Amino acid sequence: MDFGERIKRLREGKKLSQDDLAQLMGKKHRNVIGSWEKGKAEPSLSDVRKLAEILSTNTVYLIEGIDINQIVTPAAPSGYVMMKAEEVIEMQRQLLESKDRKIEEKNKELSKKTA
């Protein structure tokens, strides 16, 4: 599906005629919308932004056909868990503190046995 087809599909999905969309866009004639939909002309960047707002979508979808709301973050490989770096650092800190306490306890036990 190309740019013009995406505009047409979204426009029709909102039950807007070319005249309706032209009026919302501040254009004098529906021919402008028809030219965009047929690929005979391209809107300016500011018009693409306005189209996205009126058609309740985003400029990436209009231009590239990529729905950024459906981009999925890759899952962690099997056997792994994705975590924020801050959480991993905190868990490592807690683990080190726990190990330090165990080492101190063992040192106390050893010093009692040798005394």
C-alpha atoms as a PDB file:
ATOM      1  CA  MET A   1       0.000   0.000   0.000  1.00  0.00           C
ATOM      2  CA  ASP A   2       1.455   3.376  -0.956  1.00  0.00           C
ATOM      3  CA  PHE A   3       1.131   6.819   0.601  1.00  0.00           C
ATOM      4  CA  GLY A   4      -1.984   7.765  -1.374  1.00  0.00           C
ATOM      5  CA  GLU A   5      -3.722   4.484  -0.604  1.00  0.00           C
ATOM      6  CA  ARG A   6      -3.013   4.931   3.114  1.00  0.00           C
ATOM      7  CA  ILE A   7      -4.546   8.417   3.051  1.00  0.00           C
ATOM      8  CA  LYS A   8      -7.612   7.147   1.206  1.00  0.00           C
ATOM      9  CA  ARG A   9      -8.106   4.161   3.517  1.00  0.00           C
ATOM     10  CA  LEU A  10      -7.782   6.293   6.650  1.00  0.00           C
ATOM     11  CA  ARG A  11     -10.020   9.026   5.219  1.00  0.00           C
ATOM     12  CA  GLU A  12     -12.718   6.513   4.308  1.00  0.00           C
ATOM     13  CA  GLY A  13     -12.331   4.863   7.711  1.00  0.00           C
ATOM     14  CA  LYS A  14     -13.231   8.191   9.291  1.00  0.00           C
ATOM     15  CA  LYS A  15     -16.183   8.529   6.891  1.00  0.00           C
ATOM     16  CA  LEU A  16     -14.694  11.680   5.353  1.00  0.00           C
ATOM     17  CA  SER A  17     -15.134  12.671   1.735  1.00  0.00           C
ATOM     18  CA  GLN A  18     -12.288  14.269  -0.174  1.00  0.00           C
ATOM     19  CA  ASP A  19     -14.185  17.554   0.213  1.00  0.00           C
ATOM     20  CA  ASP A  20     -14.405  17.046   3.988  1.00  0.00           C
ATOM     21  CA  LEU A  21     -10.689  16.334   4.287  1.00  0.00           C
ATOM     22  CA  ALA A  22      -9.784  19.249   2.022  1.00  0.00           C
ATOM     23  CA  GLN A  23     -11.848  21.565   4.216  1.00  0.00           C
ATOM     24  CA  LEU A  24     -10.236  20.230   7.417  1.00  0.00           C
ATOM     25  CA  MET A  25      -6.824  20.679   5.795  1.00  0.00           C
ATOM     26  CA  GLY A  26      -7.644  24.262   4.818  1.00  0.00           C
ATOM     27  CA  LYS A  27      -7.434  23.477   1.092  1.00  0.00           C
ATOM     28  CA  LYS A  28      -9.744  25.163  -1.411  1.00  0.00           C
ATOM     29  CA  HIS A  29     -10.434  22.121  -3.580  1.00  0.00           C
ATOM     30  CA  ARG A  30     -10.812  18.391  -3.082  1.00  0.00           C
ATOM     31  CA  ASN A  31      -8.579  17.953  -6.149  1.00  0.00           C
ATOM     32  CA  VAL A  32      -5.574  18.389  -3.850  1.00  0.00           C
ATOM     33  CA  ILE A  33      -6.627  15.351  -1.805  1.00  0.00           C
ATOM     34  CA  GLY A  34      -7.366  13.374  -4.971  1.00  0.00           C
ATOM     35  CA  SER A  35      -3.914  14.213  -6.345  1.00  0.00           C
ATOM     36  CA  TRP A  36      -2.280  12.967  -3.146  1.00  0.00           C
ATOM     37  CA  GLU A  37      -4.333   9.781  -3.143  1.00  0.00           C
ATOM     38  CA  LYS A  38      -3.495   9.080  -6.804  1.00  0.00           C
ATOM     39  CA  GLY A  39       0.202   9.817  -6.315  1.00  0.00           C
ATOM     40  CA  LYS A  40       0.134  12.738  -8.749  1.00  0.00           C
ATOM     41  CA  ALA A  41       1.324  15.205  -6.103  1.00  0.00           C
ATOM     42  CA  GLU A  42       2.937  15.046  -2.680  1.00  0.00           C
ATOM     43  CA  PRO A  43       1.919  17.089   0.349  1.00  0.00           C
ATOM     44  CA  SER A  44       4.370  19.313   2.190  1.00  0.00           C
ATOM     45  CA  LEU A  45       5.771  18.129   5.506  1.00  0.00           C
ATOM     46  CA  SER A  46       3.405  20.449   7.360  1.00  0.00           C
ATOM     47  CA  ASP A  47       0.487  18.965   5.395  1.00  0.00           C
ATOM     48  CA  VAL A  48       1.647  15.426   6.270  1.00  0.00           C
ATOM     49  CA  ARG A  49       1.682  16.395   9.942  1.00  0.00           C
ATOM     50  CA  LYS A  50      -1.802  17.884   9.665  1.00  0.00           C
ATOM     51  CA  LEU A  51      -3.054  14.789   7.796  1.00  0.00           C
ATOM     52  CA  ALA A  52      -1.678  12.560  10.546  1.00  0.00           C
ATOM     53  CA  GLU A  53      -3.487  14.582  13.191  1.00  0.00           C
ATOM     54  CA  ILE A  54      -6.798  14.679  11.315  1.00  0.00           C
ATOM     55  CA  LEU A  55      -6.640  10.985  10.397  1.00  0.00           C
ATOM     56  CA  SER A  56      -5.601   9.946  13.938  1.00  0.00           C
ATOM     57  CA  THR A  57      -2.320   8.355  12.913  1.00  0.00           C
ATOM     58  CA  ASN A  58       1.340   9.345  12.792  1.00  0.00           C
ATOM     59  CA  THR A  59       3.611  10.644  10.073  1.00  0.00           C
ATOM     60  CA  VAL A  60       5.726   7.467  10.054  1.00  0.00           C
ATOM     61  CA  TYR A  61       2.689   5.409   9.119  1.00  0.00           C
ATOM     62  CA  LEU A  62       1.589   7.845   6.414  1.00  0.00           C
ATOM     63  CA  ILE A  63       5.027   8.084   4.816  1.00  0.00           C
ATOM     64  CA  GLU A  64       6.519   4.617   5.392  1.00  0.00           C
ATOM     65  CA  GLY A  65       3.502   2.454   6.132  1.00  0.00           C
ATOM     66  CA  ILE A  66       5.022   1.373   9.453  1.00  0.00           C
ATOM     67  CA  ASP A  67       2.656   1.378  12.414  1.00  0.00           C
ATOM     68  CA  ILE A  68       4.948   2.418  15.253  1.00  0.00           C
ATOM     69  CA  ASN A  69       2.320   1.331  17.775  1.00  0.00           C
ATOM     70  CA  GLN A  70       2.779  -2.261  16.665  1.00  0.00           C
ATOM     71  CA  ILE A  71       6.569  -2.353  16.658  1.00  0.00           C
ATOM     72  CA  VAL A  72       7.464  -5.049  19.132  1.00  0.00           C
ATOM     73  CA  THR A  73      10.608  -4.970  21.194  1.00  0.00           C
ATOM     74  CA  PRO A  74      12.498  -8.184  20.546  1.00  0.00           C
ATOM     75  CA  ALA A  75      11.967 -10.795  23.223  1.00  0.00           C
ATOM     76  CA  ALA A  76      14.837 -12.009  25.337  1.00  0.00           C
ATOM     77  CA  PRO A  77      16.422 -15.233  24.099  1.00  0.00           C
ATOM     78  CA  SER A  78      15.190 -18.440  25.693  1.00  0.00           C
ATOM     79  CA  GLY A  79      16.505 -18.790  29.219  1.00  0.00           C
ATOM     80  CA  TYR A  80      17.110 -15.054  29.643  1.00  0.00           C
ATOM     81  CA  VAL A  81      15.089 -12.247  31.196  1.00  0.00           C
ATOM     82  CA  MET A  82      15.180  -8.618  30.098  1.00  0.00           C
ATOM     83  CA  MET A  83      15.651  -6.187  32.975  1.00  0.00           C
ATOM     84  CA  LYS A  84      16.491  -2.530  33.357  1.00  0.00           C
ATOM     85  CA  ALA A  85      20.185  -1.909  33.957  1.00  0.00           C
ATOM     86  CA  GLU A  86      19.405  -0.187  37.275  1.00  0.00           C
ATOM     87  CA  GLU A  87      17.611  -3.303  38.527  1.00  0.00           C
ATOM     88  CA  VAL A  88      20.533  -5.547  37.568  1.00  0.00           C
ATOM     89  CA  ILE A  89      23.004  -3.228  39.309  1.00  0.00           C
ATOM     90  CA  GLU A  90      20.865  -3.178  42.466  1.00  0.00           C
ATOM     91  CA  MET A  91      20.619  -6.982  42.485  1.00  0.00           C
ATOM     92  CA  GLN A  92      24.398  -7.260  42.068  1.00  0.00           C
ATOM     93  CA  ARG A  93      24.931  -4.803  44.929  1.00  0.00           C
ATOM     94  CA  GLN A  94      22.639  -6.835  47.189  1.00  0.00           C
ATOM     95  CA  LEU A  95      24.389 -10.063  46.226  1.00  0.00           C
ATOM     96  CA  LEU A  96      27.814  -8.583  46.997  1.00  0.00           C
ATOM     97  CA  GLU A  97      26.603  -7.307  50.377  1.00  0.00           C
ATOM     98  CA  SER A  98      25.229 -10.762  51.181  1.00  0.00           C
ATOM     99  CA  LYS A  99      28.520 -12.406  50.214  1.00  0.00           C
ATOM    100  CA  ASP A 100      30.457  -9.857  52.313  1.00  0.00           C
ATOM    101  CA  ARG A 101      28.309 -10.727  55.359  1.00  0.00           C
ATOM    102  CA  LYS A 102      28.913 -14.456  54.855  1.00  0.00           C
ATOM    103  CA  ILE A 103      32.669 -13.889  54.554  1.00  0.00           C
ATOM    104  CA  GLU A 104      32.650 -11.848  57.776  1.00  0.00           C
ATOM    105  CA  GLU A 105      30.710 -14.620  59.558  1.00  0.00           C
ATOM    106  CA  LYS A 106      33.186 -17.271  58.350  1.00  0.00           C
ATOM    107  CA  ASN A 107      36.121 -15.100  59.436  1.00  0.00           C
ATOM    108  CA  LYS A 108      34.581 -14.748  62.921  1.00  0.00           C
ATOM    109  CA  GLU A 109      34.068 -18.526  63.130  1.00  0.00           C
ATOM    110  CA  LEU A 110      37.651 -19.183  62.073  1.00  0.00           C
ATOM    111  CA  SER A 111      39.059 -16.644  64.519  1.00  0.00           C
ATOM    112  CA  LYS A 112      37.089 -18.302  67.368  1.00  0.00           C
ATOM    113  CA  LYS A 113      38.442 -21.750  66.413  1.00  0.00           C
ATOM    114  CA  THR A 114      42.043 -20.538  66.274  1.00  0.00           C
ATOM    115  CA  ALA A 115      41.818 -18.559  69.499  1.00  0.00           C
END
